[in-house]
Amino acid sequence: MSEQLGLFTAARRSDPVTSQMNRDAFVKKGSQRDCLLWTYYTNAGLTDEEAGMETQWKDTNMFDHRVCYWKRCSELRKLQFIMPTGETRTSSFGQQQQVCEITALGEAYINESKHVD
């Protein structure tokens, strides 16, 4: 997966130094991205909101835990780990959201991470 690092950087130039230091972080085990990717792996076709509601944070106040599932899903799309299916569904706020599914690249990452501790 290391060849994929060039596809995406997680920090903007205006972000703090600590973010810059970790800008090449890919999908760390146990991270929000990792958790969401596993959610897409175990569920067929989800909106960002549905994916967020399927995570370990669903029974907490996500904002108290600084969980930005919509941003992490966007990052997974940029990494080409999930992709839109062309379908949309209505969110809990009445807005249309795209439905995404895990890609072969996302599945390859999941399968590789199963063998790494």
C-alpha atoms as a PDB file:
ATOM      1  CA  MET A   1       0.000   0.000   0.000  1.00  0.00           C
ATOM      2  CA  SER A   2       2.953   2.357   0.400  1.00  0.00           C
ATOM      3  CA  GLU A   3       2.763   3.243  -3.310  1.00  0.00           C
ATOM      4  CA  GLN A   4      -0.616   4.843  -2.574  1.00  0.00           C
ATOM      5  CA  LEU A   5       0.821   7.468  -0.214  1.00  0.00           C
ATOM      6  CA  GLY A   6       1.282   9.942  -3.057  1.00  0.00           C
ATOM      7  CA  LEU A   7      -2.452  10.024  -3.758  1.00  0.00           C
ATOM      8  CA  PHE A   8      -3.421  11.933  -0.678  1.00  0.00           C
ATOM      9  CA  THR A   9      -2.064  14.170   2.011  1.00  0.00           C
ATOM     10  CA  ALA A  10      -4.108  14.709   5.124  1.00  0.00           C
ATOM     11  CA  ALA A  11      -2.879  18.179   6.063  1.00  0.00           C
ATOM     12  CA  ARG A  12      -3.348  21.578   4.489  1.00  0.00           C
ATOM     13  CA  ARG A  13      -0.519  24.130   4.471  1.00  0.00           C
ATOM     14  CA  SER A  14      -2.480  26.203   6.984  1.00  0.00           C
ATOM     15  CA  ASP A  15      -2.840  23.294   9.452  1.00  0.00           C
ATOM     16  CA  PRO A  16      -0.782  23.180  12.680  1.00  0.00           C
ATOM     17  CA  VAL A  17       2.752  21.795  12.763  1.00  0.00           C
ATOM     18  CA  THR A  18       1.560  18.560  14.380  1.00  0.00           C
ATOM     19  CA  SER A  19      -0.752  17.911  11.433  1.00  0.00           C
ATOM     20  CA  GLN A  20       2.081  18.656   9.016  1.00  0.00           C
ATOM     21  CA  MET A  21       4.290  16.136  10.809  1.00  0.00           C
ATOM     22  CA  ASN A  22       1.626  13.448  10.315  1.00  0.00           C
ATOM     23  CA  ARG A  23       0.507  14.530   6.847  1.00  0.00           C
ATOM     24  CA  ASP A  24       1.534  11.271   5.176  1.00  0.00           C
ATOM     25  CA  ALA A  25      -0.395   9.142   7.646  1.00  0.00           C
ATOM     26  CA  PHE A  26      -2.288   6.709   5.495  1.00  0.00           C
ATOM     27  CA  VAL A  27      -5.001   4.758   7.271  1.00  0.00           C
ATOM     28  CA  LYS A  28      -3.723   3.952  10.730  1.00  0.00           C
ATOM     29  CA  LYS A  29      -5.108   0.915  12.498  1.00  0.00           C
ATOM     30  CA  GLY A  30      -7.817   1.970  14.940  1.00  0.00           C
ATOM     31  CA  SER A  31      -8.164   5.451  13.423  1.00  0.00           C
ATOM     32  CA  GLN A  32     -11.459   6.994  12.356  1.00  0.00           C
ATOM     33  CA  ARG A  33     -10.596   6.237   8.703  1.00  0.00           C
ATOM     34  CA  ASP A  34      -9.812   2.622   9.575  1.00  0.00           C
ATOM     35  CA  CYS A  35     -13.058   2.217  11.527  1.00  0.00           C
ATOM     36  CA  LEU A  36     -15.113   3.702   8.685  1.00  0.00           C
ATOM     37  CA  LEU A  37     -13.351   1.602   6.061  1.00  0.00           C
ATOM     38  CA  TRP A  38     -14.182  -1.540   8.050  1.00  0.00           C
ATOM     39  CA  THR A  39     -17.789  -0.303   8.200  1.00  0.00           C
ATOM     40  CA  TYR A  40     -17.906  -0.054   4.407  1.00  0.00           C
ATOM     41  CA  TYR A  41     -16.263  -3.474   4.184  1.00  0.00           C
ATOM     42  CA  THR A  42     -18.954  -5.120   6.323  1.00  0.00           C
ATOM     43  CA  ASN A  43     -21.965  -3.239   4.890  1.00  0.00           C
ATOM     44  CA  ALA A  44     -23.120  -2.965   1.294  1.00  0.00           C
ATOM     45  CA  GLY A  45     -23.553   0.617   0.109  1.00  0.00           C
ATOM     46  CA  LEU A  46     -23.724   3.386   2.707  1.00  0.00           C
ATOM     47  CA  THR A  47     -24.020   7.151   2.787  1.00  0.00           C
ATOM     48  CA  ASP A  48     -21.466   9.003   4.884  1.00  0.00           C
ATOM     49  CA  GLU A  49     -24.116   9.505   7.561  1.00  0.00           C
ATOM     50  CA  GLU A  50     -25.083   5.815   7.559  1.00  0.00           C
ATOM     51  CA  ALA A  51     -21.422   4.817   7.802  1.00  0.00           C
ATOM     52  CA  GLY A  52     -20.943   7.201  10.743  1.00  0.00           C
ATOM     53  CA  MET A  53     -23.984   5.767  12.489  1.00  0.00           C
ATOM     54  CA  GLU A  54     -22.640   2.215  12.097  1.00  0.00           C
ATOM     55  CA  THR A  55     -19.388   2.966  13.911  1.00  0.00           C
ATOM     56  CA  GLN A  56     -18.458   2.612  17.560  1.00  0.00           C
ATOM     57  CA  TRP A  57     -19.435   6.253  18.096  1.00  0.00           C
ATOM     58  CA  LYS A  58     -23.123   5.811  17.242  1.00  0.00           C
ATOM     59  CA  ASP A  59     -24.184   5.733  20.900  1.00  0.00           C
ATOM     60  CA  THR A  60     -22.093   8.751  21.903  1.00  0.00           C
ATOM     61  CA  ASN A  61     -22.122  12.434  21.145  1.00  0.00           C
ATOM     62  CA  MET A  62     -19.756  12.285  18.181  1.00  0.00           C
ATOM     63  CA  PHE A  63     -18.917  15.955  18.518  1.00  0.00           C
ATOM     64  CA  ASP A  64     -17.661  15.420  22.074  1.00  0.00           C
ATOM     65  CA  HIS A  65     -15.267  12.827  20.647  1.00  0.00           C
ATOM     66  CA  ARG A  66     -14.212  15.005  17.686  1.00  0.00           C
ATOM     67  CA  VAL A  67     -15.510  12.447  15.225  1.00  0.00           C
ATOM     68  CA  CYS A  68     -15.894  13.964  11.777  1.00  0.00           C
ATOM     69  CA  TYR A  69     -17.069  10.888   9.886  1.00  0.00           C
ATOM     70  CA  TRP A  70     -18.063  12.974   6.836  1.00  0.00           C
ATOM     71  CA  LYS A  71     -14.483  14.270   6.485  1.00  0.00           C
ATOM     72  CA  ARG A  72     -12.979  10.814   6.972  1.00  0.00           C
ATOM     73  CA  CYS A  73     -15.346   9.397   4.313  1.00  0.00           C
ATOM     74  CA  SER A  74     -14.267  12.180   1.953  1.00  0.00           C
ATOM     75  CA  GLU A  75     -10.635  11.245   2.604  1.00  0.00           C
ATOM     76  CA  LEU A  76     -11.410   7.568   1.894  1.00  0.00           C
ATOM     77  CA  ARG A  77     -12.918   8.634  -1.453  1.00  0.00           C
ATOM     78  CA  LYS A  78      -9.771  10.640  -2.251  1.00  0.00           C
ATOM     79  CA  LEU A  79      -7.713   7.556  -1.437  1.00  0.00           C
ATOM     80  CA  GLN A  80     -10.015   5.607  -3.779  1.00  0.00           C
ATOM     81  CA  PHE A  81     -10.859   3.170  -0.969  1.00  0.00           C
ATOM     82  CA  ILE A  82     -14.583   3.877  -1.340  1.00  0.00           C
ATOM     83  CA  MET A  83     -16.461   5.218  -4.360  1.00  0.00           C
ATOM     84  CA  PRO A  84     -19.963   6.469  -5.174  1.00  0.00           C
ATOM     85  CA  THR A  85     -22.352   3.907  -6.639  1.00  0.00           C
ATOM     86  CA  GLY A  86     -24.473   6.502  -8.431  1.00  0.00           C
ATOM     87  CA  GLU A  87     -27.326   5.924  -5.986  1.00  0.00           C
ATOM     88  CA  THR A  88     -28.504   8.554  -3.481  1.00  0.00           C
ATOM     89  CA  ARG A  89     -30.527   8.363  -0.269  1.00  0.00           C
ATOM     90  CA  THR A  90     -32.165  10.954   1.934  1.00  0.00           C
ATOM     91  CA  SER A  91     -30.245  11.829   5.103  1.00  0.00           C
ATOM     92  CA  SER A  92     -31.799  12.358   8.512  1.00  0.00           C
ATOM     93  CA  PHE A  93     -31.778  16.093   7.664  1.00  0.00           C
ATOM     94  CA  GLY A  94     -33.755  15.541   4.453  1.00  0.00           C
ATOM     95  CA  GLN A  95     -30.835  16.078   2.076  1.00  0.00           C
ATOM     96  CA  GLN A  96     -29.761  13.708  -0.681  1.00  0.00           C
ATOM     97  CA  GLN A  97     -26.457  11.958  -0.005  1.00  0.00           C
ATOM     98  CA  GLN A  98     -24.440   9.755  -2.298  1.00  0.00           C
ATOM     99  CA  VAL A  99     -24.181   6.075  -1.517  1.00  0.00           C
ATOM    100  CA  CYS A 100     -20.641   4.684  -1.567  1.00  0.00           C
ATOM    101  CA  GLU A 101     -19.151   1.226  -1.474  1.00  0.00           C
ATOM    102  CA  ILE A 102     -15.713  -0.141  -0.802  1.00  0.00           C
ATOM    103  CA  THR A 103     -13.441  -0.542  -3.823  1.00  0.00           C
ATOM    104  CA  ALA A 104     -11.042  -3.340  -4.690  1.00  0.00           C
ATOM    105  CA  LEU A 105      -8.237  -1.108  -3.395  1.00  0.00           C
ATOM    106  CA  GLY A 106     -10.094  -0.642  -0.099  1.00  0.00           C
ATOM    107  CA  GLU A 107     -10.678  -4.384   0.183  1.00  0.00           C
ATOM    108  CA  ALA A 108      -7.003  -5.040  -0.529  1.00  0.00           C
ATOM    109  CA  TYR A 109      -6.075  -2.666   2.306  1.00  0.00           C
ATOM    110  CA  ILE A 110      -8.503  -4.422   4.669  1.00  0.00           C
ATOM    111  CA  ASN A 111      -7.173  -7.859   3.715  1.00  0.00           C
ATOM    112  CA  GLU A 112      -3.582  -6.685   4.162  1.00  0.00           C
ATOM    113  CA  SER A 113      -4.348  -5.113   7.551  1.00  0.00           C
ATOM    114  CA  LYS A 114      -5.878  -8.381   8.799  1.00  0.00           C
ATOM    115  CA  HIS A 115      -2.389  -9.878   8.724  1.00  0.00           C
ATOM    116  CA  VAL A 116      -0.609  -6.995  10.465  1.00  0.00           C
ATOM    117  CA  ASP A 117      -0.670  -6.479  14.231  1.00  0.00           C
END
